Amino acid sequence: MQKTAKEHQKQVKKVDSTAGGISRMIRSAHLKQVKKVARAVTAKATTSRANQ
C-alpha cells in the first residue's frame, strides 16, 4: 500500500513535533539540573563561609 503525498507529509509533521517535544523536555530537564547543582554549590559555599 502506497501513501499519498499528503498522508506522508502529515506523518513527517507528527514525527517532527514529537522530536521537538522530546528535545524541549531534555533541554528543560538539563536546565533544572544545572540550577539545582548551582543552588547546592551556593548553599555549601555560604555554609562553609559562615562556619569560618
PDB file of N, CA and C in Angstrom:
ATOM      1  N   MET A   1       0.846  -1.197   0.000  1.00  0.00           N
ATOM      2  CA  MET A   1       0.000   0.000   0.000  1.00  0.00           C
ATOM      3  C   MET A   1       0.883   1.249   0.000  1.00  0.00           C
ATOM      4  N   GLN A   2       0.590   2.148  -0.886  1.00  0.00           N
ATOM      5  CA  GLN A   2       1.406   3.348  -1.003  1.00  0.00           C
ATOM      6  C   GLN A   2       0.679   4.538  -0.382  1.00  0.00           C
ATOM      7  N   LYS A   3       1.408   5.326   0.373  1.00  0.00           N
ATOM      8  CA  LYS A   3       0.814   6.512   0.997  1.00  0.00           C
ATOM      9  C   LYS A   3       0.756   7.645  -0.013  1.00  0.00           C
ATOM     10  N   THR A   4      -0.257   8.466   0.141  1.00  0.00           N
ATOM     11  CA  THR A   4      -0.313   9.652  -0.708  1.00  0.00           C
ATOM     12  C   THR A   4       0.670  10.683  -0.151  1.00  0.00           C
ATOM     13  N   ALA A   5       0.982  11.673  -0.947  1.00  0.00           N
ATOM     14  CA  ALA A   5       1.928  12.711  -0.518  1.00  0.00           C
ATOM     15  C   ALA A   5       1.409  13.439   0.719  1.00  0.00           C
ATOM     16  N   LYS A   6       0.101  13.659   0.760  1.00  0.00           N
ATOM     17  CA  LYS A   6      -0.499  14.379   1.890  1.00  0.00           C
ATOM     18  C   LYS A   6      -0.353  13.575   3.184  1.00  0.00           C
ATOM     19  N   GLU A   7      -0.639  12.279   3.100  1.00  0.00           N
ATOM     20  CA  GLU A   7      -0.509  11.421   4.284  1.00  0.00           C
ATOM     21  C   GLU A   7       0.936  11.393   4.756  1.00  0.00           C
ATOM     22  N   HIS A   8       1.844  11.305   3.810  1.00  0.00           N
ATOM     23  CA  HIS A   8       3.265  11.256   4.135  1.00  0.00           C
ATOM     24  C   HIS A   8       3.695  12.547   4.839  1.00  0.00           C
ATOM     25  N   GLN A   9       3.222  13.684   4.339  1.00  0.00           N
ATOM     26  CA  GLN A   9       3.538  14.980   4.953  1.00  0.00           C
ATOM     27  C   GLN A   9       3.031  15.036   6.388  1.00  0.00           C
ATOM     28  N   LYS A  10       1.812  14.519   6.578  1.00  0.00           N
ATOM     29  CA  LYS A  10       1.208  14.516   7.904  1.00  0.00           C
ATOM     30  C   LYS A  10       2.069  13.694   8.868  1.00  0.00           C
ATOM     31  N   GLN A  11       2.541  12.551   8.395  1.00  0.00           N
ATOM     32  CA  GLN A  11       3.380  11.665   9.202  1.00  0.00           C
ATOM     33  C   GLN A  11       4.696  12.364   9.560  1.00  0.00           C
ATOM     34  N   VAL A  12       5.292  13.021   8.587  1.00  0.00           N
ATOM     35  CA  VAL A  12       6.563  13.727   8.813  1.00  0.00           C
ATOM     36  C   VAL A  12       6.369  14.828   9.850  1.00  0.00           C
ATOM     37  N   LYS A  13       5.263  15.556   9.742  1.00  0.00           N
ATOM     38  CA  LYS A  13       4.971  16.637  10.683  1.00  0.00           C
ATOM     39  C   LYS A  13       4.823  16.082  12.099  1.00  0.00           C
ATOM     40  N   LYS A  14       4.153  14.934  12.206  1.00  0.00           N
ATOM     41  CA  LYS A  14       3.937  14.314  13.510  1.00  0.00           C
ATOM     42  C   LYS A  14       5.275  13.922  14.137  1.00  0.00           C
ATOM     43  N   VAL A  15       6.147  13.323  13.349  1.00  0.00           N
ATOM     44  CA  VAL A  15       7.467  12.915  13.832  1.00  0.00           C
ATOM     45  C   VAL A  15       8.270  14.144  14.248  1.00  0.00           C
ATOM     46  N   ASP A  16       8.199  15.202  13.453  1.00  0.00           N
ATOM     47  CA  ASP A  16       8.898  16.454  13.768  1.00  0.00           C
ATOM     48  C   ASP A  16       8.451  17.020  15.109  1.00  0.00           C
ATOM     49  N   SER A  17       7.139  17.078  15.311  1.00  0.00           N
ATOM     50  CA  SER A  17       6.640  17.680  16.548  1.00  0.00           C
ATOM     51  C   SER A  17       7.009  16.819  17.752  1.00  0.00           C
ATOM     52  N   THR A  18       7.010  15.491  17.577  1.00  0.00           N
ATOM     53  CA  THR A  18       7.411  14.600  18.664  1.00  0.00           C
ATOM     54  C   THR A  18       8.877  14.825  19.005  1.00  0.00           C
ATOM     55  N   ALA A  19       9.713  14.893  17.990  1.00  0.00           N
ATOM     56  CA  ALA A  19      11.150  15.114  18.205  1.00  0.00           C
ATOM     57  C   ALA A  19      11.379  16.466  18.871  1.00  0.00           C
ATOM     58  N   GLY A  20      10.641  17.475  18.436  1.00  0.00           N
ATOM     59  CA  GLY A  20      10.755  18.803  19.036  1.00  0.00           C
ATOM     60  C   GLY A  20      10.363  18.787  20.500  1.00  0.00           C
ATOM     61  N   GLY A  21       9.288  18.084  20.800  1.00  0.00           N
ATOM     62  CA  GLY A  21       8.823  17.972  22.189  1.00  0.00           C
ATOM     63  C   GLY A  21       9.848  17.285  23.065  1.00  0.00           C
ATOM     64  N   ILE A  22      10.448  16.224  22.541  1.00  0.00           N
ATOM     65  CA  ILE A  22      11.454  15.479  23.302  1.00  0.00           C
ATOM     66  C   ILE A  22      12.677  16.353  23.560  1.00  0.00           C
ATOM     67  N   SER A  23      13.142  17.061  22.529  1.00  0.00           N
ATOM     68  CA  SER A  23      14.335  17.893  22.716  1.00  0.00           C
ATOM     69  C   SER A  23      14.056  19.042  23.679  1.00  0.00           C
ATOM     70  N   ARG A  24      12.837  19.578  23.649  1.00  0.00           N
ATOM     71  CA  ARG A  24      12.479  20.634  24.610  1.00  0.00           C
ATOM     72  C   ARG A  24      12.487  20.087  26.030  1.00  0.00           C
ATOM     73  N   MET A  25      11.930  18.881  26.199  1.00  0.00           N
ATOM     74  CA  MET A  25      11.897  18.267  27.529  1.00  0.00           C
ATOM     75  C   MET A  25      13.310  18.037  28.048  1.00  0.00           C
ATOM     76  N   ILE A  26      14.182  17.530  27.177  1.00  0.00           N
ATOM     77  CA  ILE A  26      15.565  17.264  27.573  1.00  0.00           C
ATOM     78  C   ILE A  26      16.247  18.569  27.961  1.00  0.00           C
ATOM     79  N   ARG A  27      16.047  19.598  27.158  1.00  0.00           N
ATOM     80  CA  ARG A  27      16.684  20.890  27.429  1.00  0.00           C
ATOM     81  C   ARG A  27      16.219  21.452  28.766  1.00  0.00           C
ATOM     82  N   SER A  28      14.906  21.417  29.020  1.00  0.00           N
ATOM     83  CA  SER A  28      14.398  21.988  30.273  1.00  0.00           C
ATOM     84  C   SER A  28      14.837  21.143  31.463  1.00  0.00           C
ATOM     85  N   ALA A  29      14.888  19.823  31.294  1.00  0.00           N
ATOM     86  CA  ALA A  29      15.348  18.958  32.381  1.00  0.00           C
ATOM     87  C   ALA A  29      16.806  19.254  32.692  1.00  0.00           C
ATOM     88  N   HIS A  30      17.600  19.473  31.660  1.00  0.00           N
ATOM     89  CA  HIS A  30      19.023  19.772  31.845  1.00  0.00           C
ATOM     90  C   HIS A  30      19.190  21.108  32.575  1.00  0.00           C
ATOM     91  N   LEU A  31      18.403  22.102  32.185  1.00  0.00           N
ATOM     92  CA  LEU A  31      18.471  23.409  32.844  1.00  0.00           C
ATOM     93  C   LEU A  31      18.107  23.296  34.317  1.00  0.00           C
ATOM     94  N   LYS A  32      17.066  22.515  34.610  1.00  0.00           N
ATOM     95  CA  LYS A  32      16.655  22.327  36.004  1.00  0.00           C
ATOM     96  C   LYS A  32      17.790  21.704  36.802  1.00  0.00           C
ATOM     97  N   GLN A  33      18.449  20.713  36.206  1.00  0.00           N
ATOM     98  CA  GLN A  33      19.558  20.027  36.866  1.00  0.00           C
ATOM     99  C   GLN A  33      20.693  21.012  37.144  1.00  0.00           C
ATOM    100  N   VAL A  34      21.020  21.834  36.182  1.00  0.00           N
ATOM    101  CA  VAL A  34      22.102  22.815  36.335  1.00  0.00           C
ATOM    102  C   VAL A  34      21.762  23.798  37.452  1.00  0.00           C
ATOM    103  N   LYS A  35      20.524  24.279  37.473  1.00  0.00           N
ATOM    104  CA  LYS A  35      20.103  25.222  38.507  1.00  0.00           C
ATOM    105  C   LYS A  35      20.186  24.574  39.886  1.00  0.00           C
ATOM    106  N   LYS A  36      19.782  23.305  39.959  1.00  0.00           N
ATOM    107  CA  LYS A  36      19.799  22.573  41.227  1.00  0.00           C
ATOM    108  C   LYS A  36      21.231  22.473  41.755  1.00  0.00           C
ATOM    109  N   VAL A  37      22.155  22.120  40.887  1.00  0.00           N
ATOM    110  CA  VAL A  37      23.562  21.993  41.265  1.00  0.00           C
ATOM    111  C   VAL A  37      24.103  23.355  41.696  1.00  0.00           C
ATOM    112  N   ALA A  38      23.777  24.393  40.950  1.00  0.00           N
ATOM    113  CA  ALA A  38      24.244  25.742  41.278  1.00  0.00           C
ATOM    114  C   ALA A  38      23.738  26.165  42.655  1.00  0.00           C
ATOM    115  N   ARG A  39      22.486  25.851  42.946  1.00  0.00           N
ATOM    116  CA  ARG A  39      21.916  26.177  44.261  1.00  0.00           C
ATOM    117  C   ARG A  39      22.659  25.436  45.362  1.00  0.00           C
ATOM    118  N   ALA A  40      22.919  24.150  45.139  1.00  0.00           N
ATOM    119  CA  ALA A  40      23.610  23.333  46.137  1.00  0.00           C
ATOM    120  C   ALA A  40      25.011  23.876  46.395  1.00  0.00           C
ATOM    121  N   VAL A  41      25.705  24.238  45.343  1.00  0.00           N
ATOM    122  CA  VAL A  41      27.069  24.777  45.471  1.00  0.00           C
ATOM    123  C   VAL A  41      27.038  26.100  46.235  1.00  0.00           C
ATOM    124  N   THR A  42      26.083  26.951  45.896  1.00  0.00           N
ATOM    125  CA  THR A  42      25.959  28.246  46.572  1.00  0.00           C
ATOM    126  C   THR A  42      25.656  28.049  48.054  1.00  0.00           C
ATOM    127  N   ALA A  43      24.745  27.134  48.356  1.00  0.00           N
ATOM    128  CA  ALA A  43      24.380  26.872  49.749  1.00  0.00           C
ATOM    129  C   ALA A  43      25.585  26.349  50.525  1.00  0.00           C
ATOM    130  N   LYS A  44      26.338  25.459  49.917  1.00  0.00           N
ATOM    131  CA  LYS A  44      27.513  24.883  50.577  1.00  0.00           C
ATOM    132  C   LYS A  44      28.566  25.965  50.815  1.00  0.00           C
ATOM    133  N   ALA A  45      28.788  26.819  49.834  1.00  0.00           N
ATOM    134  CA  ALA A  45      29.769  27.895  49.963  1.00  0.00           C
ATOM    135  C   ALA A  45      29.353  28.860  51.073  1.00  0.00           C
ATOM    136  N   THR A  46      28.082  29.176  51.136  1.00  0.00           N
ATOM    137  CA  THR A  46      27.564  30.087  52.155  1.00  0.00           C
ATOM    138  C   THR A  46      27.731  29.470  53.538  1.00  0.00           C
ATOM    139  N   THR A  47      27.423  28.189  53.656  1.00  0.00           N
ATOM    140  CA  THR A  47      27.529  27.483  54.931  1.00  0.00           C
ATOM    141  C   THR A  47      28.982  27.419  55.388  1.00  0.00           C
ATOM    142  N   SER A  48      29.889  27.089  54.482  1.00  0.00           N
ATOM    143  CA  SER A  48      31.298  26.969  54.865  1.00  0.00           C
ATOM    144  C   SER A  48      31.872  28.333  55.256  1.00  0.00           C
ATOM    145  N   ARG A  49      31.418  29.403  54.627  1.00  0.00           N
ATOM    146  CA  ARG A  49      31.877  30.747  54.991  1.00  0.00           C
ATOM    147  C   ARG A  49      31.358  31.131  56.372  1.00  0.00           C
ATOM    148  N   ALA A  50      30.139  30.736  56.665  1.00  0.00           N
ATOM    149  CA  ALA A  50      29.537  31.063  57.956  1.00  0.00           C
ATOM    150  C   ALA A  50      30.239  30.305  59.084  1.00  0.00           C
ATOM    151  N   ASN A  51      30.745  29.116  58.790  1.00  0.00           N
ATOM    152  CA  ASN A  51      31.411  28.298  59.806  1.00  0.00           C
ATOM    153  C   ASN A  51      32.831  28.761  60.106  1.00  0.00           C
ATOM    154  N   GLN A  52      33.407  29.591  59.262  1.00  0.00           N
ATOM    155  CA  GLN A  52      34.807  30.007  59.473  1.00  0.00           C
ATOM    156  C   GLN A  52      34.934  31.072  60.531  1.00  0.00           C
TER     157      GLN A  52
END
